Amino acid sequence: MKDFKTILFATDFSDNSEYAFEYALALAKKFEALLAIIHVINEPVDLRGFYVPHISFESLEEEIEEGARKMMDRFCRSHVRDYEPVMTFIVPGVPYDEVIKKALELSADLIIMGTHGRSGLDHVLFGSTAEKVVRKSPIPVMTVRARD
């Protein structure tokens, strides 16, 4: 079996991500691998041309990033516990693209992420970040389907 030196776990902080993280942490421990955790802030629609009197676009971006950092801190405190080495990343962009970029940047051996297992019209309308990562990543991807 291949040794995993670096595992990238992508999270959206959903219940399914928490479930999938159990697998990422178990594999990281088994192989004593670096566990990199990434959350991608899906780039919001640019609202700069609209009049929004109470908040600037830059302030909104900062608030979103600060909220994501707090969620990452909370996630790590409750799920990572005593495991090291761990690195965390909060990045803006298109989720599947940023996950793949970070995996390549870290020379990750494996990407792990949860998937909702949508099908039919729901899948057509919402798509799947996990599916796009699986299709486009040159790095192996492990998806963990949501609990029923």
N, C-alpha and C. Protein backbone atom coordinates (compact mmCIF):
# COMPACT_ATOMS: atom_id res chain seq x y z
N MET A 1 0.84 -1.19 0.00
CA MET A 1 0.00 0.00 0.00
C MET A 1 0.88 1.25 0.00
N LYS A 2 0.44 2.24 -0.69
CA LYS A 2 1.16 3.50 -0.78
C LYS A 2 1.18 4.22 0.57
N ASP A 3 2.31 4.81 0.89
CA ASP A 3 2.39 5.66 2.08
C ASP A 3 1.84 7.02 1.74
N PHE A 4 1.05 7.56 2.64
CA PHE A 4 0.52 8.91 2.47
C PHE A 4 1.32 9.83 3.38
N LYS A 5 2.01 10.79 2.77
CA LYS A 5 2.79 11.75 3.56
C LYS A 5 1.99 13.02 3.84
N THR A 6 1.14 13.39 2.88
CA THR A 6 0.31 14.58 3.02
C THR A 6 -1.10 14.27 2.54
N ILE A 7 -2.06 14.54 3.41
CA ILE A 7 -3.47 14.34 3.08
C ILE A 7 -4.16 15.69 3.16
N LEU A 8 -4.87 16.04 2.11
CA LEU A 8 -5.64 17.29 2.10
C LEU A 8 -7.11 16.95 2.32
N PHE A 9 -7.68 17.55 3.34
CA PHE A 9 -9.10 17.36 3.64
C PHE A 9 -9.83 18.66 3.34
N ALA A 10 -10.85 18.59 2.49
CA ALA A 10 -11.64 19.77 2.14
C ALA A 10 -12.94 19.74 2.93
N THR A 11 -13.26 20.86 3.58
CA THR A 11 -14.46 20.92 4.40
C THR A 11 -15.32 22.12 4.05
N ASP A 12 -16.63 21.91 4.16
CA ASP A 12 -17.57 23.03 4.08
C ASP A 12 -18.25 23.22 5.43
N PHE A 13 -17.74 22.53 6.46
CA PHE A 13 -18.22 22.59 7.85
C PHE A 13 -19.60 21.98 8.02
N SER A 14 -20.07 21.22 7.06
CA SER A 14 -21.37 20.56 7.18
C SER A 14 -21.23 19.30 8.04
N ASP A 15 -22.37 18.73 8.41
CA ASP A 15 -22.35 17.48 9.16
C ASP A 15 -21.65 16.39 8.37
N ASN A 16 -21.86 16.38 7.06
CA ASN A 16 -21.20 15.38 6.23
C ASN A 16 -19.69 15.56 6.21
N SER A 17 -19.23 16.80 6.23
CA SER A 17 -17.79 17.04 6.29
C SER A 17 -17.22 16.51 7.60
N GLU A 18 -17.96 16.71 8.66
CA GLU A 18 -17.49 16.20 9.96
C GLU A 18 -17.38 14.68 9.92
N TYR A 19 -18.36 14.03 9.31
CA TYR A 19 -18.34 12.58 9.18
C TYR A 19 -17.15 12.14 8.32
N ALA A 20 -16.93 12.80 7.21
CA ALA A 20 -15.82 12.46 6.32
C ALA A 20 -14.47 12.69 7.00
N PHE A 21 -14.42 13.66 7.90
CA PHE A 21 -13.16 13.98 8.58
C PHE A 21 -12.67 12.81 9.43
N GLU A 22 -13.59 12.01 9.93
CA GLU A 22 -13.18 10.83 10.72
C GLU A 22 -12.24 9.95 9.89
N TYR A 23 -12.53 9.81 8.60
CA TYR A 23 -11.69 9.01 7.72
C TYR A 23 -10.35 9.70 7.47
N ALA A 24 -10.38 10.99 7.26
CA ALA A 24 -9.14 11.74 7.01
C ALA A 24 -8.22 11.65 8.22
N LEU A 25 -8.77 11.84 9.39
CA LEU A 25 -7.96 11.80 10.61
C LEU A 25 -7.41 10.39 10.86
N ALA A 26 -8.23 9.38 10.65
CA ALA A 26 -7.77 8.00 10.85
C ALA A 26 -6.62 7.66 9.91
N LEU A 27 -6.74 8.05 8.64
CA LEU A 27 -5.65 7.78 7.68
C LEU A 27 -4.40 8.58 8.02
N ALA A 28 -4.58 9.84 8.40
CA ALA A 28 -3.43 10.66 8.76
C ALA A 28 -2.69 10.04 9.95
N LYS A 29 -3.42 9.59 10.94
CA LYS A 29 -2.79 8.96 12.10
C LYS A 29 -2.08 7.66 11.70
N LYS A 30 -2.75 6.84 10.90
CA LYS A 30 -2.17 5.56 10.49
C LYS A 30 -0.84 5.75 9.78
N PHE A 31 -0.76 6.76 8.92
CA PHE A 31 0.45 6.98 8.13
C PHE A 31 1.34 8.09 8.69
N GLU A 32 0.93 8.65 9.83
CA GLU A 32 1.67 9.78 10.43
C GLU A 32 1.89 10.88 9.39
N ALA A 33 0.83 11.18 8.67
CA ALA A 33 0.89 12.14 7.57
C ALA A 33 0.53 13.55 8.04
N LEU A 34 1.02 14.52 7.29
CA LEU A 34 0.57 15.89 7.47
C LEU A 34 -0.89 15.94 7.06
N LEU A 35 -1.72 16.50 7.90
CA LEU A 35 -3.14 16.65 7.59
C LEU A 35 -3.41 18.12 7.33
N ALA A 36 -3.65 18.45 6.08
CA ALA A 36 -3.95 19.83 5.69
C ALA A 36 -5.47 19.93 5.53
N ILE A 37 -6.05 20.94 6.15
CA ILE A 37 -7.49 21.14 6.10
C ILE A 37 -7.77 22.45 5.38
N ILE A 38 -8.61 22.38 4.36
CA ILE A 38 -8.92 23.58 3.57
C ILE A 38 -10.42 23.83 3.56
N HIS A 39 -10.75 25.11 3.68
CA HIS A 39 -12.13 25.57 3.46
C HIS A 39 -12.05 26.65 2.40
N VAL A 40 -12.87 26.52 1.37
CA VAL A 40 -12.88 27.50 0.29
C VAL A 40 -14.11 28.37 0.44
N ILE A 41 -13.87 29.67 0.54
CA ILE A 41 -14.96 30.64 0.56
C ILE A 41 -15.35 30.87 -0.88
N ASN A 42 -16.52 30.37 -1.24
CA ASN A 42 -17.00 30.52 -2.60
C ASN A 42 -17.11 32.01 -2.90
N GLU A 43 -16.40 32.47 -3.91
CA GLU A 43 -16.38 33.90 -4.20
C GLU A 43 -17.79 34.43 -4.43
N PRO A 44 -18.16 35.44 -3.63
CA PRO A 44 -19.50 35.99 -3.79
C PRO A 44 -19.63 36.80 -5.07
N VAL A 45 -20.84 37.02 -5.47
CA VAL A 45 -21.10 37.89 -6.62
C VAL A 45 -20.56 39.28 -6.29
N ASP A 46 -19.93 39.89 -7.23
CA ASP A 46 -19.37 41.22 -7.01
C ASP A 46 -20.52 42.24 -6.94
N LEU A 47 -20.71 42.82 -5.76
CA LEU A 47 -21.81 43.76 -5.54
C LEU A 47 -21.35 45.22 -5.56
N ARG A 48 -20.13 45.46 -6.02
CA ARG A 48 -19.58 46.82 -5.95
C ARG A 48 -20.42 47.85 -6.71
N GLY A 49 -21.13 47.47 -7.73
CA GLY A 49 -21.91 48.42 -8.51
C GLY A 49 -23.27 48.73 -7.89
N PHE A 50 -23.62 48.01 -6.82
CA PHE A 50 -24.91 48.22 -6.18
C PHE A 50 -24.74 49.09 -4.96
N TYR A 51 -25.76 49.84 -4.65
CA TYR A 51 -25.72 50.70 -3.47
C TYR A 51 -26.18 49.90 -2.26
N VAL A 52 -25.25 49.66 -1.36
CA VAL A 52 -25.56 48.99 -0.09
C VAL A 52 -25.04 49.92 1.00
N PRO A 53 -25.93 50.72 1.60
CA PRO A 53 -25.48 51.79 2.48
C PRO A 53 -24.80 51.37 3.77
N HIS A 54 -25.09 50.21 4.29
CA HIS A 54 -24.60 49.88 5.63
C HIS A 54 -23.29 49.10 5.66
N ILE A 55 -22.79 48.62 4.51
CA ILE A 55 -21.56 47.83 4.55
C ILE A 55 -20.84 47.94 3.20
N SER A 56 -19.52 48.00 3.25
CA SER A 56 -18.75 48.01 2.01
C SER A 56 -18.46 46.57 1.58
N PHE A 57 -18.16 46.40 0.31
CA PHE A 57 -17.86 45.07 -0.20
C PHE A 57 -16.62 44.50 0.49
N GLU A 58 -15.62 45.35 0.72
CA GLU A 58 -14.39 44.90 1.39
C GLU A 58 -14.70 44.46 2.81
N SER A 59 -15.58 45.19 3.50
CA SER A 59 -15.96 44.80 4.86
C SER A 59 -16.69 43.47 4.85
N LEU A 60 -17.53 43.27 3.87
CA LEU A 60 -18.26 42.02 3.75
C LEU A 60 -17.30 40.85 3.56
N GLU A 61 -16.33 41.01 2.66
CA GLU A 61 -15.33 39.96 2.43
C GLU A 61 -14.56 39.65 3.71
N GLU A 62 -14.17 40.71 4.45
CA GLU A 62 -13.44 40.52 5.70
C GLU A 62 -14.29 39.79 6.73
N GLU A 63 -15.56 40.14 6.82
CA GLU A 63 -16.45 39.48 7.77
C GLU A 63 -16.65 38.01 7.41
N ILE A 64 -16.78 37.72 6.14
CA ILE A 64 -16.94 36.33 5.71
C ILE A 64 -15.68 35.53 6.04
N GLU A 65 -14.52 36.11 5.75
CA GLU A 65 -13.27 35.42 6.05
C GLU A 65 -13.09 35.22 7.55
N GLU A 66 -13.41 36.22 8.34
CA GLU A 66 -13.29 36.10 9.79
C GLU A 66 -14.24 35.01 10.31
N GLY A 67 -15.45 34.96 9.79
CA GLY A 67 -16.40 33.92 10.17
C GLY A 67 -15.88 32.53 9.82
N ALA A 68 -15.27 32.40 8.65
CA ALA A 68 -14.72 31.12 8.22
C ALA A 68 -13.55 30.71 9.13
N ARG A 69 -12.73 31.67 9.53
CA ARG A 69 -11.61 31.36 10.43
C ARG A 69 -12.13 30.87 11.78
N LYS A 70 -13.17 31.51 12.27
CA LYS A 70 -13.76 31.07 13.55
C LYS A 70 -14.33 29.67 13.43
N MET A 71 -14.98 29.38 12.30
CA MET A 71 -15.52 28.04 12.09
C MET A 71 -14.39 27.01 11.99
N MET A 72 -13.29 27.37 11.34
CA MET A 72 -12.15 26.46 11.22
C MET A 72 -11.55 26.20 12.60
N ASP A 73 -11.39 27.25 13.40
CA ASP A 73 -10.85 27.08 14.75
C ASP A 73 -11.74 26.16 15.58
N ARG A 74 -13.05 26.38 15.49
CA ARG A 74 -14.01 25.55 16.23
C ARG A 74 -13.95 24.10 15.74
N PHE A 75 -13.88 23.93 14.43
CA PHE A 75 -13.80 22.60 13.83
C PHE A 75 -12.56 21.86 14.34
N CYS A 76 -11.42 22.54 14.32
CA CYS A 76 -10.17 21.91 14.76
C CYS A 76 -10.18 21.60 16.25
N ARG A 77 -10.70 22.53 17.06
CA ARG A 77 -10.76 22.28 18.51
C ARG A 77 -11.59 21.05 18.83
N SER A 78 -12.69 20.86 18.10
CA SER A 78 -13.57 19.75 18.44
C SER A 78 -13.26 18.45 17.70
N HIS A 79 -12.51 18.49 16.60
CA HIS A 79 -12.29 17.28 15.82
C HIS A 79 -10.84 16.81 15.73
N VAL A 80 -9.91 17.73 15.71
CA VAL A 80 -8.52 17.33 15.53
C VAL A 80 -7.94 16.79 16.84
N ARG A 81 -8.32 17.37 17.93
CA ARG A 81 -7.87 16.99 19.26
C ARG A 81 -6.35 17.06 19.36
N ASP A 82 -5.70 15.94 19.60
CA ASP A 82 -4.26 15.95 19.91
C ASP A 82 -3.38 15.58 18.72
N TYR A 83 -3.93 15.52 17.51
CA TYR A 83 -3.11 15.11 16.37
C TYR A 83 -2.31 16.28 15.82
N GLU A 84 -1.06 16.01 15.55
CA GLU A 84 -0.20 16.95 14.84
C GLU A 84 0.61 16.11 13.87
N PRO A 85 1.04 16.58 12.78
CA PRO A 85 0.98 17.94 12.27
C PRO A 85 -0.31 18.22 11.49
N VAL A 86 -0.83 19.40 11.72
CA VAL A 86 -2.03 19.86 11.03
C VAL A 86 -1.78 21.28 10.52
N MET A 87 -2.23 21.54 9.31
CA MET A 87 -2.19 22.89 8.74
C MET A 87 -3.61 23.22 8.30
N THR A 88 -3.98 24.49 8.42
CA THR A 88 -5.31 24.89 7.96
C THR A 88 -5.18 26.04 6.95
N PHE A 89 -6.15 26.06 6.03
CA PHE A 89 -6.17 27.08 5.00
C PHE A 89 -7.60 27.55 4.77
N ILE A 90 -7.77 28.85 4.70
CA ILE A 90 -9.04 29.48 4.29
C ILE A 90 -8.69 30.26 3.03
N VAL A 91 -9.30 29.90 1.92
CA VAL A 91 -8.99 30.58 0.66
C VAL A 91 -10.27 30.94 -0.08
N PRO A 92 -10.27 32.07 -0.77
CA PRO A 92 -11.43 32.42 -1.60
C PRO A 92 -11.27 31.83 -2.99
N GLY A 93 -12.38 31.57 -3.63
CA GLY A 93 -12.31 31.11 -5.02
C GLY A 93 -13.39 30.11 -5.36
N VAL A 94 -13.16 29.42 -6.45
CA VAL A 94 -14.07 28.37 -6.90
C VAL A 94 -13.64 27.10 -6.16
N PRO A 95 -14.54 26.51 -5.36
CA PRO A 95 -14.12 25.43 -4.47
C PRO A 95 -13.33 24.29 -5.12
N TYR A 96 -13.82 23.69 -6.20
CA TYR A 96 -13.10 22.54 -6.75
C TYR A 96 -11.72 22.95 -7.25
N ASP A 97 -11.62 24.13 -7.84
CA ASP A 97 -10.36 24.62 -8.39
C ASP A 97 -9.34 24.87 -7.27
N GLU A 98 -9.79 25.51 -6.20
CA GLU A 98 -8.88 25.83 -5.09
C GLU A 98 -8.43 24.59 -4.35
N VAL A 99 -9.30 23.59 -4.22
CA VAL A 99 -8.92 22.34 -3.57
C VAL A 99 -7.80 21.67 -4.36
N ILE A 100 -7.97 21.59 -5.66
CA ILE A 100 -6.95 20.97 -6.51
C ILE A 100 -5.64 21.78 -6.47
N LYS A 101 -5.75 23.11 -6.57
CA LYS A 101 -4.54 23.95 -6.52
C LYS A 101 -3.76 23.72 -5.22
N LYS A 102 -4.48 23.69 -4.09
CA LYS A 102 -3.81 23.52 -2.80
C LYS A 102 -3.19 22.13 -2.71
N ALA A 103 -3.86 21.12 -3.20
CA ALA A 103 -3.31 19.76 -3.19
C ALA A 103 -2.01 19.69 -3.98
N LEU A 104 -2.00 20.33 -5.14
CA LEU A 104 -0.79 20.36 -5.97
C LEU A 104 0.32 21.15 -5.28
N GLU A 105 -0.04 22.28 -4.70
CA GLU A 105 0.94 23.12 -4.00
C GLU A 105 1.60 22.36 -2.86
N LEU A 106 0.82 21.55 -2.14
CA LEU A 106 1.34 20.80 -0.99
C LEU A 106 1.94 19.45 -1.38
N SER A 107 1.87 19.11 -2.66
CA SER A 107 2.27 17.77 -3.13
C SER A 107 1.52 16.69 -2.35
N ALA A 108 0.23 16.90 -2.17
CA ALA A 108 -0.59 15.96 -1.41
C ALA A 108 -0.64 14.61 -2.13
N ASP A 109 -0.73 13.56 -1.33
CA ASP A 109 -0.84 12.22 -1.87
C ASP A 109 -2.29 11.79 -2.02
N LEU A 110 -3.20 12.48 -1.32
CA LEU A 110 -4.60 12.11 -1.32
C LEU A 110 -5.45 13.31 -0.92
N ILE A 111 -6.58 13.46 -1.57
CA ILE A 111 -7.59 14.46 -1.20
C ILE A 111 -8.78 13.68 -0.64
N ILE A 112 -9.28 14.12 0.50
CA ILE A 112 -10.47 13.49 1.08
C ILE A 112 -11.53 14.55 1.25
N MET A 113 -12.75 14.20 0.87
CA MET A 113 -13.86 15.13 1.05
C MET A 113 -15.18 14.39 1.10
N GLY A 114 -16.15 15.01 1.72
CA GLY A 114 -17.48 14.44 1.79
C GLY A 114 -18.25 14.74 0.52
N THR A 115 -19.25 13.92 0.27
CA THR A 115 -20.15 14.16 -0.84
C THR A 115 -21.57 13.90 -0.36
N HIS A 116 -22.50 14.66 -0.89
CA HIS A 116 -23.88 14.53 -0.46
C HIS A 116 -24.62 13.42 -1.19
N GLY A 117 -24.05 12.91 -2.25
CA GLY A 117 -24.68 11.83 -2.99
C GLY A 117 -25.98 12.24 -3.66
N ARG A 118 -26.03 13.49 -4.11
CA ARG A 118 -27.24 13.95 -4.80
C ARG A 118 -27.41 13.22 -6.12
N SER A 119 -28.65 13.14 -6.55
CA SER A 119 -28.91 12.53 -7.85
C SER A 119 -30.09 13.24 -8.50
N GLY A 120 -30.33 12.90 -9.76
CA GLY A 120 -31.47 13.46 -10.47
C GLY A 120 -31.40 14.96 -10.62
N LEU A 121 -32.56 15.60 -10.50
CA LEU A 121 -32.67 17.04 -10.70
C LEU A 121 -31.84 17.82 -9.69
N ASP A 122 -31.80 17.34 -8.46
CA ASP A 122 -31.00 18.00 -7.42
C ASP A 122 -29.54 18.08 -7.86
N HIS A 123 -29.03 16.99 -8.45
CA HIS A 123 -27.64 16.97 -8.91
C HIS A 123 -27.44 17.92 -10.09
N VAL A 124 -28.39 17.93 -11.00
CA VAL A 124 -28.30 18.81 -12.17
C VAL A 124 -28.29 20.27 -11.73
N LEU A 125 -29.14 20.62 -10.78
CA LEU A 125 -29.24 22.01 -10.34
C LEU A 125 -28.05 22.47 -9.49
N PHE A 126 -27.60 21.61 -8.59
CA PHE A 126 -26.56 22.04 -7.64
C PHE A 126 -25.17 21.54 -7.98
N GLY A 127 -25.08 20.50 -8.82
CA GLY A 127 -23.77 19.97 -9.16
C GLY A 127 -23.10 19.39 -7.94
N SER A 128 -21.83 19.14 -8.04
CA SER A 128 -21.09 18.55 -6.94
C SER A 128 -19.64 18.99 -7.00
N THR A 129 -19.21 19.67 -5.95
CA THR A 129 -17.80 20.04 -5.86
C THR A 129 -16.95 18.79 -5.84
N ALA A 130 -17.38 17.80 -5.06
CA ALA A 130 -16.61 16.56 -4.97
C ALA A 130 -16.47 15.89 -6.34
N GLU A 131 -17.55 15.86 -7.09
CA GLU A 131 -17.50 15.24 -8.42
C GLU A 131 -16.51 15.98 -9.32
N LYS A 132 -16.51 17.30 -9.26
CA LYS A 132 -15.59 18.08 -10.09
C LYS A 132 -14.14 17.83 -9.68
N VAL A 133 -13.90 17.72 -8.37
CA VAL A 133 -12.54 17.42 -7.91
C VAL A 133 -12.12 16.04 -8.42
N VAL A 134 -13.01 15.06 -8.29
CA VAL A 134 -12.69 13.70 -8.76
C VAL A 134 -12.36 13.71 -10.25
N ARG A 135 -13.17 14.42 -11.04
CA ARG A 135 -12.97 14.44 -12.50
C ARG A 135 -11.71 15.17 -12.92
N LYS A 136 -11.35 16.23 -12.21
CA LYS A 136 -10.28 17.11 -12.69
C LYS A 136 -8.94 16.95 -11.97
N SER A 137 -8.92 16.30 -10.82
CA SER A 137 -7.69 16.21 -10.03
C SER A 137 -6.72 15.16 -10.56
N PRO A 138 -5.44 15.52 -10.69
CA PRO A 138 -4.43 14.53 -11.03
C PRO A 138 -4.01 13.72 -9.79
N ILE A 139 -4.51 14.13 -8.63
CA ILE A 139 -4.19 13.49 -7.35
C ILE A 139 -5.38 12.60 -6.97
N PRO A 140 -5.13 11.40 -6.43
CA PRO A 140 -6.24 10.54 -6.02
C PRO A 140 -7.17 11.24 -5.03
N VAL A 141 -8.46 10.96 -5.17
CA VAL A 141 -9.48 11.57 -4.33
C VAL A 141 -10.32 10.48 -3.69
N MET A 142 -10.52 10.62 -2.39
CA MET A 142 -11.41 9.72 -1.65
C MET A 142 -12.63 10.53 -1.25
N THR A 143 -13.81 10.08 -1.67
CA THR A 143 -15.03 10.76 -1.26
C THR A 143 -15.76 9.88 -0.24
N VAL A 144 -16.39 10.55 0.73
CA VAL A 144 -17.14 9.86 1.76
C VAL A 144 -18.56 10.34 1.66
N ARG A 145 -19.44 9.41 1.36
CA ARG A 145 -20.85 9.75 1.18
C ARG A 145 -21.52 10.00 2.52
N ALA A 146 -22.47 10.93 2.51
CA ALA A 146 -23.20 11.29 3.72
C ALA A 146 -23.90 10.08 4.31
N ARG A 147 -23.99 10.08 5.63
CA ARG A 147 -24.75 9.03 6.31
C ARG A 147 -26.22 9.16 5.95
N ASP A 148 -26.89 8.06 5.83
CA ASP A 148 -28.34 8.09 5.54
C ASP A 148 -29.13 8.39 6.80
